[in-house]
Amino acid sequence: MKKVIITVVGVDTVGIIAGISAYLARNKVNILDISQTVVGGFFNMMMVVDGSASTKTFDKLCSDLDKAGKAKGLEIRCQKSEIFEKMHRV
């Protein structure tokens, strides 16, 4: 697993970034870039991460984050960066 794009959307609460960052750190997934904003009480974040040092598969990482997000009322999605890179070559 190389670069992955993670997006998080939901009602803003304390600890969203901390929780996701802690999970990624425990699983040796490096955060390369992060952008977050809160608009009208709604949280939106995009992360570019490198999972090449992780033992987690892409599918397992996505599943874990999806479950964690649902438990906190957040929508967390993972996409491989290749999707975006190939779209821009067309």
N, C-alpha and C. Protein backbone atom coordinates (compact mmCIF):
# COMPACT_ATOMS: atom_id res chain seq x y z
N MET A 1 0.85 -1.18 0.00
CA MET A 1 0.00 0.00 0.00
C MET A 1 0.90 1.24 0.00
N LYS A 2 0.69 2.07 -0.99
CA LYS A 2 1.47 3.30 -1.08
C LYS A 2 0.65 4.46 -0.56
N LYS A 3 0.49 5.50 -1.37
CA LYS A 3 -0.26 6.67 -0.93
C LYS A 3 -1.76 6.40 -0.95
N VAL A 4 -2.40 6.88 0.12
CA VAL A 4 -3.84 6.74 0.27
C VAL A 4 -4.41 8.11 0.63
N ILE A 5 -5.57 8.43 0.07
CA ILE A 5 -6.29 9.65 0.39
C ILE A 5 -7.40 9.27 1.38
N ILE A 6 -7.41 9.91 2.54
CA ILE A 6 -8.42 9.65 3.56
C ILE A 6 -9.23 10.93 3.72
N THR A 7 -10.55 10.81 3.62
CA THR A 7 -11.43 11.96 3.85
C THR A 7 -12.34 11.66 5.03
N VAL A 8 -12.59 12.69 5.81
CA VAL A 8 -13.43 12.57 7.01
C VAL A 8 -14.42 13.72 7.01
N VAL A 9 -15.71 13.40 7.17
CA VAL A 9 -16.75 14.41 7.21
C VAL A 9 -17.73 14.08 8.33
N GLY A 10 -18.15 15.09 9.08
CA GLY A 10 -19.15 14.88 10.12
C GLY A 10 -19.25 16.08 11.03
N VAL A 11 -20.07 15.95 12.05
CA VAL A 11 -20.23 17.01 13.04
C VAL A 11 -18.92 17.14 13.82
N ASP A 12 -18.46 18.38 14.01
CA ASP A 12 -17.20 18.62 14.71
C ASP A 12 -17.30 18.25 16.17
N THR A 13 -16.34 17.47 16.64
CA THR A 13 -16.21 17.12 18.05
C THR A 13 -14.73 17.11 18.41
N VAL A 14 -14.46 17.15 19.69
CA VAL A 14 -13.08 17.12 20.17
C VAL A 14 -12.47 15.75 19.90
N GLY A 15 -11.25 15.74 19.38
CA GLY A 15 -10.48 14.50 19.28
C GLY A 15 -10.55 13.76 17.96
N ILE A 16 -11.19 14.32 16.95
CA ILE A 16 -11.28 13.61 15.68
C ILE A 16 -9.89 13.38 15.09
N ILE A 17 -9.13 14.45 14.94
CA ILE A 17 -7.80 14.33 14.35
C ILE A 17 -6.91 13.46 15.22
N ALA A 18 -6.98 13.64 16.53
CA ALA A 18 -6.15 12.85 17.45
C ALA A 18 -6.44 11.36 17.32
N GLY A 19 -7.72 11.00 17.25
CA GLY A 19 -8.09 9.59 17.15
C GLY A 19 -7.61 8.94 15.87
N ILE A 20 -7.80 9.63 14.76
CA ILE A 20 -7.37 9.08 13.47
C ILE A 20 -5.85 9.03 13.38
N SER A 21 -5.19 10.09 13.84
CA SER A 21 -3.73 10.12 13.82
C SER A 21 -3.13 9.03 14.69
N ALA A 22 -3.71 8.78 15.85
CA ALA A 22 -3.21 7.73 16.74
C ALA A 22 -3.35 6.36 16.09
N TYR A 23 -4.49 6.09 15.45
CA TYR A 23 -4.68 4.82 14.75
C TYR A 23 -3.62 4.66 13.67
N LEU A 24 -3.41 5.71 12.87
CA LEU A 24 -2.42 5.63 11.79
C LEU A 24 -1.02 5.40 12.35
N ALA A 25 -0.65 6.09 13.41
CA ALA A 25 0.68 5.93 14.01
C ALA A 25 0.88 4.51 14.53
N ARG A 26 -0.14 3.96 15.20
CA ARG A 26 -0.04 2.58 15.71
C ARG A 26 0.19 1.57 14.58
N ASN A 27 -0.28 1.91 13.41
CA ASN A 27 -0.18 0.99 12.28
C ASN A 27 0.88 1.39 11.26
N LYS A 28 1.80 2.26 11.67
CA LYS A 28 2.94 2.69 10.87
C LYS A 28 2.53 3.29 9.53
N VAL A 29 1.46 4.08 9.56
CA VAL A 29 1.01 4.82 8.39
C VAL A 29 1.41 6.28 8.61
N ASN A 30 2.23 6.80 7.71
CA ASN A 30 2.77 8.14 7.85
C ASN A 30 1.86 9.18 7.19
N ILE A 31 1.55 10.25 7.91
CA ILE A 31 0.76 11.35 7.36
C ILE A 31 1.70 12.26 6.57
N LEU A 32 1.45 12.37 5.27
CA LEU A 32 2.28 13.21 4.41
C LEU A 32 1.74 14.64 4.31
N ASP A 33 0.42 14.76 4.30
CA ASP A 33 -0.21 16.08 4.20
C ASP A 33 -1.59 15.99 4.82
N ILE A 34 -2.03 17.10 5.39
CA ILE A 34 -3.34 17.12 6.05
C ILE A 34 -3.94 18.51 5.90
N SER A 35 -5.24 18.53 5.64
CA SER A 35 -5.98 19.78 5.57
C SER A 35 -7.32 19.55 6.25
N GLN A 36 -7.71 20.47 7.11
CA GLN A 36 -8.99 20.34 7.79
C GLN A 36 -9.62 21.70 7.95
N THR A 37 -10.95 21.67 8.00
CA THR A 37 -11.69 22.89 8.21
C THR A 37 -12.99 22.56 8.92
N VAL A 38 -13.54 23.56 9.58
CA VAL A 38 -14.84 23.44 10.22
C VAL A 38 -15.70 24.56 9.66
N VAL A 39 -16.85 24.18 9.09
CA VAL A 39 -17.78 25.15 8.52
C VAL A 39 -19.15 24.90 9.12
N GLY A 40 -19.68 25.87 9.81
CA GLY A 40 -21.01 25.75 10.38
C GLY A 40 -21.16 24.56 11.33
N GLY A 41 -20.08 24.22 12.03
CA GLY A 41 -20.11 23.11 12.98
C GLY A 41 -19.84 21.75 12.35
N PHE A 42 -19.58 21.73 11.04
CA PHE A 42 -19.27 20.47 10.37
C PHE A 42 -17.77 20.39 10.07
N PHE A 43 -17.21 19.25 10.39
CA PHE A 43 -15.78 18.98 10.25
C PHE A 43 -15.53 18.33 8.90
N ASN A 44 -14.47 18.77 8.23
CA ASN A 44 -14.06 18.18 6.96
C ASN A 44 -12.54 18.09 6.95
N MET A 45 -12.02 16.90 6.67
CA MET A 45 -10.56 16.72 6.65
C MET A 45 -10.17 15.84 5.48
N MET A 46 -9.03 16.16 4.90
CA MET A 46 -8.42 15.32 3.87
C MET A 46 -6.98 15.08 4.28
N MET A 47 -6.58 13.82 4.22
CA MET A 47 -5.21 13.44 4.54
C MET A 47 -4.62 12.67 3.36
N VAL A 48 -3.35 12.91 3.10
CA VAL A 48 -2.59 12.06 2.18
C VAL A 48 -1.62 11.30 3.07
N VAL A 49 -1.70 9.98 3.02
CA VAL A 49 -0.87 9.15 3.89
C VAL A 49 -0.07 8.15 3.09
N ASP A 50 1.02 7.68 3.68
CA ASP A 50 1.86 6.66 3.07
C ASP A 50 1.79 5.41 3.95
N GLY A 51 1.23 4.34 3.41
CA GLY A 51 1.09 3.11 4.17
C GLY A 51 2.10 2.05 3.81
N SER A 52 3.18 2.42 3.13
CA SER A 52 4.14 1.41 2.66
C SER A 52 4.86 0.67 3.80
N ALA A 53 4.94 1.26 4.98
CA ALA A 53 5.60 0.60 6.11
C ALA A 53 4.62 -0.20 6.98
N SER A 54 3.34 -0.12 6.66
CA SER A 54 2.32 -0.77 7.46
C SER A 54 2.14 -2.23 7.06
N THR A 55 1.76 -3.04 8.03
CA THR A 55 1.42 -4.44 7.74
C THR A 55 -0.05 -4.58 7.38
N LYS A 56 -0.83 -3.51 7.55
CA LYS A 56 -2.25 -3.54 7.20
C LYS A 56 -2.42 -3.48 5.69
N THR A 57 -3.40 -4.22 5.19
CA THR A 57 -3.74 -4.09 3.78
C THR A 57 -4.59 -2.84 3.61
N PHE A 58 -4.71 -2.39 2.38
CA PHE A 58 -5.55 -1.24 2.09
C PHE A 58 -6.98 -1.50 2.55
N ASP A 59 -7.49 -2.68 2.24
CA ASP A 59 -8.87 -3.02 2.61
C ASP A 59 -9.07 -3.02 4.12
N LYS A 60 -8.11 -3.55 4.87
CA LYS A 60 -8.22 -3.60 6.33
C LYS A 60 -8.15 -2.19 6.92
N LEU A 61 -7.25 -1.38 6.41
CA LEU A 61 -7.14 0.01 6.87
C LEU A 61 -8.47 0.73 6.66
N CYS A 62 -9.04 0.58 5.47
CA CYS A 62 -10.31 1.25 5.16
C CYS A 62 -11.43 0.74 6.04
N SER A 63 -11.47 -0.56 6.25
CA SER A 63 -12.51 -1.16 7.09
C SER A 63 -12.41 -0.66 8.53
N ASP A 64 -11.20 -0.65 9.08
CA ASP A 64 -10.99 -0.17 10.45
C ASP A 64 -11.43 1.29 10.61
N LEU A 65 -11.02 2.13 9.66
CA LEU A 65 -11.37 3.54 9.73
C LEU A 65 -12.87 3.76 9.55
N ASP A 66 -13.49 2.98 8.68
CA ASP A 66 -14.93 3.07 8.48
C ASP A 66 -15.67 2.74 9.76
N LYS A 67 -15.27 1.67 10.43
CA LYS A 67 -15.91 1.27 11.69
C LYS A 67 -15.72 2.34 12.77
N ALA A 68 -14.50 2.84 12.87
CA ALA A 68 -14.22 3.88 13.87
C ALA A 68 -15.03 5.14 13.59
N GLY A 69 -15.15 5.49 12.32
CA GLY A 69 -15.92 6.67 11.94
C GLY A 69 -17.40 6.52 12.27
N LYS A 70 -17.96 5.37 11.94
CA LYS A 70 -19.37 5.14 12.22
C LYS A 70 -19.66 5.19 13.72
N ALA A 71 -18.73 4.71 14.52
CA ALA A 71 -18.91 4.74 15.97
C ALA A 71 -18.96 6.17 16.50
N LYS A 72 -18.35 7.12 15.77
CA LYS A 72 -18.34 8.52 16.20
C LYS A 72 -19.24 9.40 15.34
N GLY A 73 -20.02 8.79 14.46
CA GLY A 73 -20.93 9.56 13.61
C GLY A 73 -20.23 10.28 12.47
N LEU A 74 -19.09 9.74 12.03
CA LEU A 74 -18.32 10.35 10.95
C LEU A 74 -18.33 9.45 9.72
N GLU A 75 -18.19 10.07 8.57
CA GLU A 75 -18.03 9.33 7.32
C GLU A 75 -16.54 9.39 6.97
N ILE A 76 -15.86 8.24 7.00
CA ILE A 76 -14.44 8.17 6.67
C ILE A 76 -14.29 7.29 5.44
N ARG A 77 -13.65 7.85 4.41
CA ARG A 77 -13.43 7.12 3.16
C ARG A 77 -11.96 7.08 2.84
N CYS A 78 -11.53 5.98 2.25
CA CYS A 78 -10.15 5.80 1.79
C CYS A 78 -10.17 5.55 0.30
N GLN A 79 -9.23 6.16 -0.39
CA GLN A 79 -9.07 5.93 -1.82
C GLN A 79 -7.59 5.87 -2.15
N LYS A 80 -7.24 5.00 -3.06
CA LYS A 80 -5.85 4.92 -3.50
C LYS A 80 -5.52 6.15 -4.33
N SER A 81 -4.34 6.70 -4.14
CA SER A 81 -3.96 7.92 -4.84
C SER A 81 -3.86 7.71 -6.35
N GLU A 82 -3.64 6.47 -6.78
CA GLU A 82 -3.52 6.19 -8.21
C GLU A 82 -4.78 6.59 -8.98
N ILE A 83 -5.93 6.52 -8.32
CA ILE A 83 -7.19 6.91 -8.98
C ILE A 83 -7.11 8.36 -9.44
N PHE A 84 -6.62 9.22 -8.56
CA PHE A 84 -6.54 10.64 -8.89
C PHE A 84 -5.44 10.92 -9.90
N GLU A 85 -4.32 10.22 -9.75
CA GLU A 85 -3.20 10.44 -10.67
C GLU A 85 -3.57 10.02 -12.09
N LYS A 86 -4.28 8.92 -12.25
CA LYS A 86 -4.68 8.46 -13.58
C LYS A 86 -5.76 9.35 -14.18
N MET A 87 -6.64 9.90 -13.35
CA MET A 87 -7.69 10.78 -13.84
C MET A 87 -7.08 12.03 -14.48
N HIS A 88 -5.98 12.51 -13.95
CA HIS A 88 -5.37 13.74 -14.45
C HIS A 88 -4.49 13.51 -15.66
N ARG A 89 -4.25 12.25 -16.02
CA ARG A 89 -3.46 11.95 -17.22
C ARG A 89 -4.32 11.89 -18.46
N VAL A 90 -5.62 11.79 -18.30
CA VAL A 90 -6.51 11.64 -19.46
C VAL A 90 -6.59 12.91 -20.24
